[in-house]
C-alpha atoms as a PDB file:
ATOM      1  CA  MET A   1       5.018  15.998 -22.233  1.00  0.00           C
ATOM      2  CA  THR A   2       2.620  13.750 -24.098  1.00  0.00           C
ATOM      3  CA  GLN A   3       2.093  10.319 -22.650  1.00  0.00           C
ATOM      4  CA  THR A   4       1.988   7.363 -25.036  1.00  0.00           C
ATOM      5  CA  THR A   5      -0.917   4.944 -24.690  1.00  0.00           C
ATOM      6  CA  ALA A   6      -0.591   1.189 -25.015  1.00  0.00           C
ATOM      7  CA  THR A   7      -2.168   1.265 -28.471  1.00  0.00           C
ATOM      8  CA  ASP A   8       0.477   3.765 -29.657  1.00  0.00           C
ATOM      9  CA  LEU A   9       3.392   1.855 -28.151  1.00  0.00           C
ATOM     10  CA  LEU A  10       6.738   2.666 -29.702  1.00  0.00           C
ATOM     11  CA  THR A  11       8.834   0.010 -31.406  1.00  0.00           C
ATOM     12  CA  GLY A  12      12.112  -0.819 -29.719  1.00  0.00           C
ATOM     13  CA  THR A  13      13.984  -2.468 -26.897  1.00  0.00           C
ATOM     14  CA  TRP A  14      13.668  -1.240 -23.328  1.00  0.00           C
ATOM     15  CA  THR A  15      16.043  -2.077 -20.483  1.00  0.00           C
ATOM     16  CA  ILE A  16      14.536  -2.447 -17.017  1.00  0.00           C
ATOM     17  CA  ASP A  17      15.918   0.267 -14.730  1.00  0.00           C
ATOM     18  CA  PRO A  18      16.582  -1.485 -11.385  1.00  0.00           C
ATOM     19  CA  VAL A  19      16.878   1.853  -9.568  1.00  0.00           C
ATOM     20  CA  HIS A  20      13.284   2.736 -10.469  1.00  0.00           C
ATOM     21  CA  SER A  21      11.811  -0.792 -10.397  1.00  0.00           C
ATOM     22  CA  GLU A  22      11.140  -3.462  -7.808  1.00  0.00           C
ATOM     23  CA  VAL A  23      10.417  -7.166  -7.570  1.00  0.00           C
ATOM     24  CA  THR A  24       8.551  -8.070  -4.389  1.00  0.00           C
ATOM     25  CA  PHE A  25       6.787 -11.066  -2.884  1.00  0.00           C
ATOM     26  CA  THR A  26       4.447 -11.923  -0.029  1.00  0.00           C
ATOM     27  CA  VAL A  27       4.018 -15.320   1.645  1.00  0.00           C
ATOM     28  CA  ARG A  28       2.097 -16.440   4.692  1.00  0.00           C
ATOM     29  CA  HIS A  29       4.135 -17.155   7.835  1.00  0.00           C
ATOM     30  CA  LEU A  30       2.182 -18.441  10.854  1.00  0.00           C
ATOM     31  CA  MET A  31      -0.703 -15.997  11.330  1.00  0.00           C
ATOM     32  CA  SER A  32       0.763 -13.105   9.338  1.00  0.00           C
ATOM     33  CA  LYS A  33       2.602 -12.504   6.092  1.00  0.00           C
ATOM     34  CA  VAL A  34       6.251 -11.931   5.299  1.00  0.00           C
ATOM     35  CA  ARG A  35       7.103  -9.419   2.602  1.00  0.00           C
ATOM     36  CA  GLY A  36      10.378  -9.403   0.785  1.00  0.00           C
ATOM     37  CA  SER A  37      12.125  -8.316  -2.360  1.00  0.00           C
ATOM     38  CA  PHE A  38      14.977  -9.086  -4.705  1.00  0.00           C
ATOM     39  CA  THR A  39      17.522  -6.293  -5.057  1.00  0.00           C
ATOM     40  CA  HIS A  40      19.444  -7.502  -8.130  1.00  0.00           C
ATOM     41  CA  PHE A  41      17.539  -8.106 -11.340  1.00  0.00           C
ATOM     42  CA  SER A  42      17.631  -7.163 -15.000  1.00  0.00           C
ATOM     43  CA  GLY A  43      15.417  -7.491 -17.995  1.00  0.00           C
ATOM     44  CA  LYS A  44      14.286  -6.354 -21.396  1.00  0.00           C
ATOM     45  CA  ILE A  45      10.974  -5.414 -22.915  1.00  0.00           C
ATOM     46  CA  THR A  46      10.792  -5.552 -26.695  1.00  0.00           C
ATOM     47  CA  THR A  47       7.905  -3.586 -28.174  1.00  0.00           C
ATOM     48  CA  ASN A  48       6.602  -3.738 -31.702  1.00  0.00           C
ATOM     49  CA  GLY A  49       3.951  -1.037 -31.912  1.00  0.00           C
ATOM     50  CA  SER A  50       1.368  -3.014 -29.925  1.00  0.00           C
ATOM     51  CA  PRO A  51       1.512  -4.640 -26.488  1.00  0.00           C
ATOM     52  CA  LEU A  52       0.209  -7.846 -28.072  1.00  0.00           C
ATOM     53  CA  GLU A  53       3.300  -7.985 -30.305  1.00  0.00           C
ATOM     54  CA  SER A  54       5.717  -7.320 -27.435  1.00  0.00           C
ATOM     55  CA  SER A  55       7.877  -9.595 -25.277  1.00  0.00           C
ATOM     56  CA  VAL A  56       9.380  -9.521 -21.800  1.00  0.00           C
ATOM     57  CA  SER A  57      12.330 -11.262 -20.178  1.00  0.00           C
ATOM     58  CA  VAL A  58      13.490 -10.857 -16.585  1.00  0.00           C
ATOM     59  CA  THR A  59      16.415 -12.400 -14.697  1.00  0.00           C
ATOM     60  CA  ILE A  60      16.561 -12.203 -10.897  1.00  0.00           C
ATOM     61  CA  THR A  61      19.592 -13.085  -8.769  1.00  0.00           C
ATOM     62  CA  SER A  62      18.210 -15.385  -6.067  1.00  0.00           C
ATOM     63  CA  ALA A  63      20.975 -14.463  -3.592  1.00  0.00           C
ATOM     64  CA  SER A  64      19.680 -10.874  -3.619  1.00  0.00           C
ATOM     65  CA  ILE A  65      16.569 -11.872  -1.660  1.00  0.00           C
ATOM     66  CA  THR A  66      15.845  -9.759   1.398  1.00  0.00           C
ATOM     67  CA  THR A  67      13.121  -9.804   4.025  1.00  0.00           C
ATOM     68  CA  HIS A  68      15.082  -7.461   6.294  1.00  0.00           C
ATOM     69  CA  ASN A  69      15.864 -10.326   8.683  1.00  0.00           C
ATOM     70  CA  GLU A  70      19.457 -11.593   8.354  1.00  0.00           C
ATOM     71  CA  GLN A  71      18.830 -15.043   9.823  1.00  0.00           C
ATOM     72  CA  ARG A  72      15.781 -15.690   7.633  1.00  0.00           C
ATOM     73  CA  ASP A  73      17.522 -14.269   4.547  1.00  0.00           C
ATOM     74  CA  ALA A  74      20.512 -16.597   5.037  1.00  0.00           C
ATOM     75  CA  HIS A  75      18.115 -19.551   5.229  1.00  0.00           C
ATOM     76  CA  LEU A  76      16.279 -18.391   2.085  1.00  0.00           C
ATOM     77  CA  ARG A  77      19.628 -18.350   0.231  1.00  0.00           C
ATOM     78  CA  SER A  78      20.228 -22.027   1.099  1.00  0.00           C
ATOM     79  CA  ALA A  79      19.253 -25.220  -0.727  1.00  0.00           C
ATOM     80  CA  ASP A  80      16.084 -25.348   1.431  1.00  0.00           C
ATOM     81  CA  PHE A  81      14.632 -22.543  -0.702  1.00  0.00           C
ATOM     82  CA  PHE A  82      16.651 -21.088  -3.602  1.00  0.00           C
ATOM     83  CA  ASP A  83      19.217 -23.750  -4.330  1.00  0.00           C
ATOM     84  CA  PRO A  84      22.469 -21.987  -5.335  1.00  0.00           C
ATOM     85  CA  THR A  85      23.613 -25.130  -7.197  1.00  0.00           C
ATOM     86  CA  LYS A  86      20.716 -24.680  -9.652  1.00  0.00           C
ATOM     87  CA  GLY A  87      22.180 -21.550 -11.239  1.00  0.00           C
ATOM     88  CA  GLY A  88      21.304 -18.912  -8.678  1.00  0.00           C
ATOM     89  CA  GLU A  89      18.756 -17.192 -10.924  1.00  0.00           C
ATOM     90  CA  LEU A  90      15.019 -16.947 -11.329  1.00  0.00           C
ATOM     91  CA  THR A  91      13.961 -16.200 -14.901  1.00  0.00           C
ATOM     92  CA  PHE A  92      10.768 -15.263 -16.703  1.00  0.00           C
ATOM     93  CA  VAL A  93      10.448 -15.299 -20.493  1.00  0.00           C
ATOM     94  CA  SER A  94       7.138 -14.317 -22.045  1.00  0.00           C
ATOM     95  CA  THR A  95       5.473 -16.553 -24.604  1.00  0.00           C
ATOM     96  CA  GLY A  96       2.538 -14.288 -25.442  1.00  0.00           C
ATOM     97  CA  ILE A  97       0.498 -11.271 -24.402  1.00  0.00           C
ATOM     98  CA  THR A  98      -3.280 -10.963 -24.551  1.00  0.00           C
ATOM     99  CA  GLU A  99      -5.741  -8.247 -23.595  1.00  0.00           C
ATOM    100  CA  SER A 100      -7.934  -8.628 -20.522  1.00  0.00           C
ATOM    101  CA  ASP A 101     -10.830  -6.584 -19.158  1.00  0.00           C
ATOM    102  CA  ASP A 102      -8.522  -4.507 -16.980  1.00  0.00           C
ATOM    103  CA  GLY A 103      -5.181  -4.615 -18.780  1.00  0.00           C
ATOM    104  CA  TYR A 104      -3.124  -7.468 -20.168  1.00  0.00           C
ATOM    105  CA  VAL A 105      -2.107 -11.025 -19.402  1.00  0.00           C
ATOM    106  CA  ILE A 106       1.546 -11.829 -19.996  1.00  0.00           C
ATOM    107  CA  SER A 107       1.948 -15.586 -20.359  1.00  0.00           C
ATOM    108  CA  GLY A 108       5.390 -17.056 -20.017  1.00  0.00           C
ATOM    109  CA  ASP A 109       7.805 -19.541 -18.536  1.00  0.00           C
ATOM    110  CA  LEU A 110       9.034 -19.013 -14.976  1.00  0.00           C
ATOM    111  CA  THR A 111      12.155 -20.914 -13.928  1.00  0.00           C
ATOM    112  CA  ILE A 112      13.119 -21.323 -10.268  1.00  0.00           C
ATOM    113  CA  ASN A 113      15.646 -23.883  -8.987  1.00  0.00           C
ATOM    114  CA  GLY A 114      16.052 -25.197 -12.536  1.00  0.00           C
ATOM    115  CA  ILE A 115      12.329 -26.027 -12.807  1.00  0.00           C
ATOM    116  CA  THR A 116      10.278 -24.267 -15.490  1.00  0.00           C
ATOM    117  CA  ARG A 117       6.523 -23.832 -15.265  1.00  0.00           C
ATOM    118  CA  PRO A 118       4.054 -21.725 -17.276  1.00  0.00           C
ATOM    119  CA  VAL A 119       2.610 -18.709 -15.431  1.00  0.00           C
ATOM    120  CA  ASP A 120       0.312 -15.824 -16.289  1.00  0.00           C
ATOM    121  CA  LEU A 121       1.022 -12.320 -15.028  1.00  0.00           C
ATOM    122  CA  LYS A 122      -1.809  -9.821 -14.738  1.00  0.00           C
ATOM    123  CA  ALA A 123      -0.287  -6.622 -16.142  1.00  0.00           C
ATOM    124  CA  GLU A 124      -1.104  -2.955 -16.373  1.00  0.00           C
ATOM    125  CA  PHE A 125       0.587  -0.632 -18.862  1.00  0.00           C
ATOM    126  CA  LEU A 126       1.269   2.686 -17.115  1.00  0.00           C
ATOM    127  CA  GLY A 127       2.499   4.660 -20.111  1.00  0.00           C
ATOM    128  CA  VAL A 128       5.542   5.957 -21.954  1.00  0.00           C
ATOM    129  CA  ASP A 129       6.927   9.414 -21.339  1.00  0.00           C
ATOM    130  CA  THR A 130      10.116  11.459 -21.348  1.00  0.00           C
ATOM    131  CA  ASP A 131      11.766  12.046 -17.979  1.00  0.00           C
ATOM    132  CA  ALA A 132      13.408  15.279 -16.783  1.00  0.00           C
ATOM    133  CA  TYR A 133      16.729  14.222 -18.351  1.00  0.00           C
ATOM    134  CA  GLY A 134      15.344  13.483 -21.808  1.00  0.00           C
ATOM    135  CA  ALA A 135      15.253   9.681 -21.510  1.00  0.00           C
ATOM    136  CA  THR A 136      12.171   7.881 -22.790  1.00  0.00           C
ATOM    137  CA  ARG A 137      10.704   5.601 -20.117  1.00  0.00           C
ATOM    138  CA  LEU A 138       8.017   2.922 -20.057  1.00  0.00           C
ATOM    139  CA  GLY A 139       6.060   2.001 -16.920  1.00  0.00           C
ATOM    140  CA  ALA A 140       4.209  -1.219 -16.140  1.00  0.00           C
ATOM    141  CA  GLU A 141       3.134  -3.353 -13.222  1.00  0.00           C
ATOM    142  CA  ALA A 142       2.511  -7.095 -13.137  1.00  0.00           C
ATOM    143  CA  THR A 143       1.355  -9.575 -10.513  1.00  0.00           C
ATOM    144  CA  THR A 144       0.999 -13.325 -10.225  1.00  0.00           C
ATOM    145  CA  SER A 145       0.642 -16.028  -7.608  1.00  0.00           C
ATOM    146  CA  ILE A 146       2.532 -19.314  -7.636  1.00  0.00           C
ATOM    147  CA  ASN A 147       2.688 -22.439  -5.518  1.00  0.00           C
ATOM    148  CA  ARG A 148       6.278 -22.488  -4.283  1.00  0.00           C
ATOM    149  CA  LYS A 149       6.263 -26.305  -4.098  1.00  0.00           C
ATOM    150  CA  ASP A 150       5.934 -26.422  -7.903  1.00  0.00           C
ATOM    151  CA  PHE A 151       9.526 -25.109  -7.992  1.00  0.00           C
ATOM    152  CA  LYS A 152      10.975 -27.294  -5.197  1.00  0.00           C
ATOM    153  CA  VAL A 153      10.862 -24.382  -2.765  1.00  0.00           C
ATOM    154  CA  ASP A 154       9.294 -26.787  -0.320  1.00  0.00           C
ATOM    155  CA  PHE A 155      10.953 -26.404   3.081  1.00  0.00           C
ATOM    156  CA  ASN A 156       8.383 -26.276   5.865  1.00  0.00           C
ATOM    157  CA  ILE A 157       7.830 -27.136   9.520  1.00  0.00           C
ATOM    158  CA  PRO A 158       4.617 -28.849  10.644  1.00  0.00           C
ATOM    159  CA  LEU A 159       2.675 -27.175  13.448  1.00  0.00           C
ATOM    160  CA  ASP A 160      -0.063 -28.384  15.756  1.00  0.00           C
ATOM    161  CA  GLY A 161      -3.452 -28.965  14.183  1.00  0.00           C
ATOM    162  CA  GLY A 162      -2.092 -30.007  10.787  1.00  0.00           C
ATOM    163  CA  LYS A 163      -0.900 -26.523   9.854  1.00  0.00           C
ATOM    164  CA  PHE A 164       2.506 -25.498   8.551  1.00  0.00           C
ATOM    165  CA  LEU A 165       4.909 -22.660   9.323  1.00  0.00           C
ATOM    166  CA  ILE A 166       5.007 -21.311   5.739  1.00  0.00           C
ATOM    167  CA  GLY A 167       2.180 -21.006   3.230  1.00  0.00           C
ATOM    168  CA  ASP A 168       2.448 -22.562  -0.219  1.00  0.00           C
ATOM    169  CA  LYS A 169       1.042 -19.575  -2.134  1.00  0.00           C
ATOM    170  CA  VAL A 170       3.494 -16.789  -2.988  1.00  0.00           C
ATOM    171  CA  ASP A 171       2.222 -13.505  -4.415  1.00  0.00           C
ATOM    172  CA  ILE A 172       4.753 -11.847  -6.726  1.00  0.00           C
ATOM    173  CA  SER A 173       4.651  -8.232  -7.876  1.00  0.00           C
ATOM    174  CA  LEU A 174       6.801  -6.359 -10.378  1.00  0.00           C
ATOM    175  CA  ALA A 175       6.767  -2.566 -10.619  1.00  0.00           C
ATOM    176  CA  ILE A 176       8.793  -1.796 -13.725  1.00  0.00           C
ATOM    177  CA  GLU A 177      10.251   1.333 -15.211  1.00  0.00           C
ATOM    178  CA  ALA A 178      12.288   0.707 -18.344  1.00  0.00           C
ATOM    179  CA  VAL A 179      14.343   3.009 -20.529  1.00  0.00           C
ATOM    180  CA  THR A 180      14.966   2.748 -24.269  1.00  0.00           C
ATOM    181  CA  ALA A 181      18.147   0.821 -24.950  1.00  0.00           C
END
């Protein structure tokens, strides 16, 4: 098998394989951090020979959030966090890709609770190769940090000393494996 480099990227449309991909997040809670993930998501990567000419779109079902704590997960699925009356989806649509010293920056529009804000994802292209079943796959990882209050995910409980139960900064990570459509 010969792995394709980012500069030799094939032209085509790739469908994100949710079985071999994950969308995770980390947020501060008291003196530690809570890690969670979304289990239902989809997306497409359209390549045009060069990463800089490519595009990405991802849709995440907000009700699929899990932190492996049923009580907390039920609260996260309420209007206090991911308001189900606002469509029940988180979306990202790229607006451009640029090179960086250690990979790429994928700029785009992130929509949560019906509010859209520009974000930059730090991305690493992991290659293109053929799997054991003959399917051509593309691998990539991307990370970003957002302020959850920018998207009206602003529930919190004040604590002594002017602190709050939940941190504002949320670190988001996508580990993507996509297959040619």
